């Protein structure tokens, strides 16, 4: 597959239908963690919770508000948000298996009155206009080939003044050939859409009617996640030695290049 080719929605959903694999690789939070620096030895689950908390604190919400979680994974961020802030969360994903597992976890923790898990597509939201006080999308927009369409839908379902807080990957620099090979291999392995240049990304938000208020390059704080992935590959069952070796080499290449660029982005709907 060349860098010009993209994964279909069906391929992404099928990838995430493998709940056992996703859980084994990512834990309850299906996104990268946040570490303060290279010397920070915070465990993976705590670091991924920290990333969730960075998003939550930027949502600008209060008890009783309604929040849309686009790309909810196994449901841990939505459950954490609802419990911490006293809000109702509608959490969506395109994978039926993920939604079923997330709903099971909500029931297990007595949170079904606070979090609703349902099938949904961030590029084709069907909720009425002005349905939500805030939208969060933690490492989910990265799977969408048409981010401008997703931004338009998000702008429509947000109430006036509501915020979108997202983590996503963008292109800030032109990588070398070797760096490009590692980034492209990672993109394909992770079923990511091509990464947009930051200027294109910001323009798409503005065109959708969303005003970017903060965009932070958090790449250096997420790089330790690759070290955790390398360790998990080494322990992975069912992968032959050659696959583990190739995966570790690709992830080591990302560590060296300090790529792809991870952004924490906040944007607001007009009042």
Protein backbone atom coordinates (compact mmCIF):
# COMPACT_ATOMS: atom_id res chain seq x y z
CA UNK A 1 0.00 0.00 0.00
CA UNK A 2 1.39 3.41 -0.95
CA UNK A 3 1.02 6.51 1.18
CA UNK A 4 -1.67 7.75 -1.25
CA UNK A 5 -3.93 4.81 -0.43
CA UNK A 6 -6.24 4.80 2.56
CA UNK A 7 -8.12 2.28 4.64
CA UNK A 8 -11.87 1.96 4.31
CA UNK A 9 -14.25 2.45 7.23
CA UNK A 10 -15.04 -1.24 7.09
CA UNK A 11 -11.36 -2.14 7.44
CA UNK A 12 -10.94 0.16 10.44
CA UNK A 13 -14.05 -1.26 12.13
CA UNK A 14 -12.88 -4.83 11.48
CA UNK A 15 -9.48 -4.00 12.97
CA UNK A 16 -11.12 -2.77 16.18
CA UNK A 17 -13.53 -5.71 16.29
CA UNK A 18 -10.55 -7.71 17.54
CA UNK A 19 -11.27 -6.67 21.11
CA UNK A 20 -8.87 -9.08 22.80
CA UNK A 21 -5.93 -7.86 20.72
CA UNK A 22 -6.84 -4.19 21.20
CA UNK A 23 -7.16 -4.68 24.96
CA UNK A 24 -3.87 -6.57 25.17
CA UNK A 25 -1.95 -3.92 23.21
CA UNK A 26 -3.57 -0.75 24.57
CA UNK A 27 -5.22 -1.59 27.87
CA UNK A 28 -8.52 0.01 28.85
CA UNK A 29 -7.60 3.30 27.16
CA UNK A 30 -7.17 2.82 23.43
CA UNK A 31 -4.81 5.75 22.95
CA UNK A 32 -1.24 6.80 23.69
CA UNK A 33 -0.16 7.91 27.12
CA UNK A 34 1.34 11.17 28.34
CA UNK A 35 4.71 11.24 30.12
CA UNK A 36 6.32 14.40 31.50
CA UNK A 37 9.75 13.61 30.03
CA UNK A 38 11.99 10.73 28.96
CA UNK A 39 12.88 10.00 32.59
CA UNK A 40 9.22 9.62 33.59
CA UNK A 41 8.62 5.92 34.31
CA UNK A 42 4.86 6.20 34.87
CA UNK A 43 3.11 2.88 34.06
CA UNK A 44 1.14 2.72 30.80
CA UNK A 45 -2.37 2.73 32.30
CA UNK A 46 -1.61 5.73 34.50
CA UNK A 47 -0.06 7.58 31.55
CA UNK A 48 -3.07 6.92 29.31
CA UNK A 49 -5.40 8.07 32.10
CA UNK A 50 -3.29 11.22 32.30
CA UNK A 51 -3.88 11.83 28.60
CA UNK A 52 -7.62 11.43 29.13
CA UNK A 53 -7.49 13.93 31.99
CA UNK A 54 -5.67 16.49 29.82
CA UNK A 55 -8.57 16.30 27.38
CA UNK A 56 -11.25 16.41 30.09
CA UNK A 57 -9.84 19.54 31.75
CA UNK A 58 -10.08 21.41 28.43
CA UNK A 59 -13.72 20.55 27.67
CA UNK A 60 -15.09 23.48 29.68
CA UNK A 61 -18.06 21.53 31.01
CA UNK A 62 -20.06 21.32 34.22
CA UNK A 63 -22.31 18.80 35.91
CA UNK A 64 -25.40 17.97 33.89
CA UNK A 65 -23.84 18.76 30.51
CA UNK A 66 -23.96 16.37 27.57
CA UNK A 67 -20.72 15.29 25.89
CA UNK A 68 -20.13 13.33 22.70
CA UNK A 69 -17.13 10.98 22.69
CA UNK A 70 -16.16 10.19 19.10
CA UNK A 71 -14.22 6.95 18.80
CA UNK A 72 -14.79 5.67 22.33
CA UNK A 73 -12.61 2.56 22.14
CA UNK A 74 -13.29 0.22 25.07
CA UNK A 75 -15.12 3.01 26.89
CA UNK A 76 -12.65 3.89 29.65
CA UNK A 77 -12.31 7.62 28.78
CA UNK A 78 -16.10 8.10 28.57
CA UNK A 79 -16.61 6.35 31.90
CA UNK A 80 -13.81 8.36 33.50
CA UNK A 81 -15.30 11.62 32.16
CA UNK A 82 -18.84 10.85 33.34
CA UNK A 83 -17.68 9.87 36.81
CA UNK A 84 -15.30 12.81 37.25
CA UNK A 85 -17.57 15.56 35.94
CA UNK A 86 -21.14 14.38 36.56
CA UNK A 87 -22.05 14.66 32.88
CA UNK A 88 -23.87 12.35 30.49
CA UNK A 89 -21.68 10.97 27.74
CA UNK A 90 -22.85 9.60 24.41
CA UNK A 91 -19.94 7.48 23.17
CA UNK A 92 -19.70 6.18 19.62
CA UNK A 93 -17.50 3.90 17.55
CA UNK A 94 -17.83 2.08 14.22
CA UNK A 95 -16.90 -1.33 15.67
CA UNK A 96 -19.85 -3.37 16.99
CA UNK A 97 -17.50 -5.47 19.10
CA UNK A 98 -16.00 -2.40 20.80
CA UNK A 99 -19.44 -0.97 21.53
CA UNK A 100 -20.63 -4.27 23.00
CA UNK A 101 -17.56 -4.55 25.24
CA UNK A 102 -17.76 -0.90 26.33
CA UNK A 103 -21.45 -1.29 27.19
CA UNK A 104 -20.63 -4.41 29.19
CA UNK A 105 -18.01 -2.51 31.18
CA UNK A 106 -20.45 0.34 31.82
CA UNK A 107 -23.02 -2.12 33.17
CA UNK A 108 -20.37 -3.83 35.28
CA UNK A 109 -19.47 -0.52 36.93
CA UNK A 110 -23.05 0.72 37.32
CA UNK A 111 -22.61 3.58 34.83
CA UNK A 112 -25.29 2.78 32.24
CA UNK A 113 -27.40 5.76 33.34
CA UNK A 114 -24.47 8.10 32.73
CA UNK A 115 -22.84 6.76 29.55
CA UNK A 116 -24.58 5.55 26.40
CA UNK A 117 -22.54 3.50 23.95
CA UNK A 118 -23.80 3.23 20.38
CA UNK A 119 -22.63 2.68 16.84
CA UNK A 120 -21.78 5.92 15.10
CA UNK A 121 -19.49 7.48 12.52
CA UNK A 122 -17.74 10.78 13.24
CA UNK A 123 -17.82 11.70 9.55
CA UNK A 124 -21.60 11.19 9.38
CA UNK A 125 -23.09 12.24 12.73
CA UNK A 126 -26.88 11.93 12.84
CA UNK A 127 -27.60 13.80 16.08
CA UNK A 128 -29.72 16.97 15.96
CA UNK A 129 -27.94 20.30 15.76
CA UNK A 130 -26.84 21.71 19.11
CA UNK A 131 -27.13 18.37 20.91
CA UNK A 132 -23.89 18.55 22.91
CA UNK A 133 -22.08 20.94 25.21
CA UNK A 134 -18.71 19.47 24.22
CA UNK A 135 -17.12 16.85 21.97
CA UNK A 136 -13.99 14.85 22.68
CA UNK A 137 -12.11 12.77 20.14
CA UNK A 138 -9.05 11.09 21.61
CA UNK A 139 -6.94 9.57 18.85
CA UNK A 140 -9.99 8.77 16.71
CA UNK A 141 -10.01 11.48 14.05
CA UNK A 142 -6.73 9.95 12.94
CA UNK A 143 -8.74 7.11 11.37
CA UNK A 144 -10.96 9.44 9.32
CA UNK A 145 -10.08 10.08 5.70
CA UNK A 146 -12.37 13.14 5.53
CA UNK A 147 -11.55 15.22 8.58
CA UNK A 148 -13.20 18.35 7.11
CA UNK A 149 -16.51 16.41 7.02
CA UNK A 150 -15.99 15.34 10.63
CA UNK A 151 -15.32 18.94 11.66
CA UNK A 152 -18.48 20.15 9.92
CA UNK A 153 -20.58 17.55 11.73
CA UNK A 154 -18.93 18.35 15.07
CA UNK A 155 -19.58 22.08 14.57
CA UNK A 156 -23.23 21.33 13.81
CA UNK A 157 -23.91 19.13 16.87
CA UNK A 158 -22.13 21.48 19.29
CA UNK A 159 -24.12 24.08 21.19
CA UNK A 160 -22.99 27.71 20.74
CA UNK A 161 -19.71 28.15 22.58
CA UNK A 162 -19.20 24.40 22.92
CA UNK A 163 -15.72 22.96 22.60
CA UNK A 164 -14.06 20.21 20.63
CA UNK A 165 -10.99 18.74 22.32
CA UNK A 166 -9.05 16.21 20.26
CA UNK A 167 -5.73 14.47 20.00
CA UNK A 168 -4.61 13.77 16.47
CA UNK A 169 -1.51 13.32 14.34
CA UNK A 170 -0.39 16.02 11.94
CA UNK A 171 2.53 16.71 9.65
CA UNK A 172 4.81 19.51 10.82
CA UNK A 173 8.01 18.73 8.93
CA UNK A 174 9.09 16.90 5.81
CA UNK A 175 10.57 13.57 6.96
CA UNK A 176 13.62 11.98 5.36
CA UNK A 177 13.13 8.87 3.25
CA UNK A 178 14.06 6.61 6.16
CA UNK A 179 11.75 8.50 8.54
CA UNK A 180 8.95 8.40 5.98
CA UNK A 181 9.26 4.62 5.71
CA UNK A 182 8.88 4.20 9.47
CA UNK A 183 5.97 6.65 9.68
CA UNK A 184 4.17 5.07 6.73
CA UNK A 185 4.63 1.57 8.13
CA UNK A 186 3.20 2.76 11.45
CA UNK A 187 0.31 4.52 9.72
CA UNK A 188 -0.64 1.38 7.86
CA UNK A 189 -0.23 -0.88 10.91
CA UNK A 190 -2.42 1.45 13.00
CA UNK A 191 -5.06 1.94 10.27
CA UNK A 192 -4.47 5.69 10.35
CA UNK A 193 -5.55 8.04 7.58
CA UNK A 194 -2.82 10.17 5.95
CA UNK A 195 -1.61 12.90 8.30
CA UNK A 196 -2.60 16.44 7.30
CA UNK A 197 -0.15 19.36 7.42
CA UNK A 198 -0.97 21.50 10.45
CA UNK A 199 -1.87 24.52 8.31
CA UNK A 200 -4.37 22.38 6.36
CA UNK A 201 -5.79 21.00 9.60
CA UNK A 202 -6.33 24.44 11.12
CA UNK A 203 -7.87 25.74 7.89
CA UNK A 204 -10.35 22.83 7.90
CA UNK A 205 -11.40 23.65 11.47
CA UNK A 206 -11.94 27.30 10.56
CA UNK A 207 -13.89 26.44 7.42
CA UNK A 208 -16.18 24.24 9.53
CA UNK A 209 -16.85 27.18 11.85
CA UNK A 210 -14.63 26.00 14.71
CA UNK A 211 -12.12 28.47 16.14
CA UNK A 212 -8.86 26.80 17.26
CA UNK A 213 -7.97 28.15 20.70
CA UNK A 214 -5.06 25.85 21.55
CA UNK A 215 -2.88 23.44 19.64
CA UNK A 216 0.00 21.85 21.50
CA UNK A 217 2.69 19.62 20.07
CA UNK A 218 2.76 16.80 22.64
CA UNK A 219 4.95 14.45 20.62
CA UNK A 220 7.81 14.33 23.11
CA UNK A 221 5.34 13.44 25.88
CA UNK A 222 3.95 10.48 23.92
CA UNK A 223 7.17 8.89 22.64
CA UNK A 224 7.55 6.52 25.63
CA UNK A 225 4.41 4.79 24.38
CA UNK A 226 6.50 3.25 21.58
CA UNK A 227 8.84 1.72 24.16
CA UNK A 228 5.84 0.09 25.82
CA UNK A 229 4.68 -1.21 22.44
CA UNK A 230 8.12 -2.70 21.74
CA UNK A 231 7.99 -4.50 25.09
CA UNK A 232 4.47 -5.76 24.33
CA UNK A 233 5.60 -7.05 20.94
CA UNK A 234 8.37 -8.97 22.66
CA UNK A 235 5.78 -10.67 24.87
CA UNK A 236 3.11 -11.09 22.18
CA UNK A 237 1.76 -14.57 21.65
CA UNK A 238 1.07 -15.77 18.12
CA UNK A 239 3.59 -13.49 16.38
CA UNK A 240 6.63 -15.08 14.81
CA UNK A 241 10.11 -13.79 15.51
CA UNK A 242 10.40 -12.02 12.15
CA UNK A 243 7.17 -10.04 12.68
CA UNK A 244 8.26 -9.03 16.16
CA UNK A 245 11.65 -7.96 14.82
CA UNK A 246 10.12 -5.88 12.02
CA UNK A 247 7.63 -4.25 14.38
CA UNK A 248 10.34 -3.37 16.90
CA UNK A 249 12.54 -1.89 14.14
CA UNK A 250 9.67 0.26 12.89
CA UNK A 251 8.86 1.55 16.38
CA UNK A 252 12.55 2.21 17.09
CA UNK A 253 12.63 4.26 13.89
CA UNK A 254 9.76 6.39 15.20
CA UNK A 255 11.60 6.94 18.47
CA UNK A 256 14.70 8.09 16.61
CA UNK A 257 12.75 10.37 14.27
CA UNK A 258 10.43 11.58 17.07
CA UNK A 259 7.54 11.11 14.69
CA UNK A 260 4.65 11.19 13.91
CA UNK A 261 3.73 14.52 15.44
CA UNK A 262 0.99 14.26 18.08
CA UNK A 263 -1.19 17.32 18.69
CA UNK A 264 -3.61 18.22 21.48
CA UNK A 265 -6.15 20.56 19.89
CA UNK A 266 -8.98 22.64 21.35
CA UNK A 267 -11.48 24.46 19.14
CA UNK A 268 -14.69 26.31 19.98
CA UNK A 269 -18.02 26.80 18.24
CA UNK A 270 -19.14 30.42 17.92
CA UNK A 271 -21.50 31.77 20.59
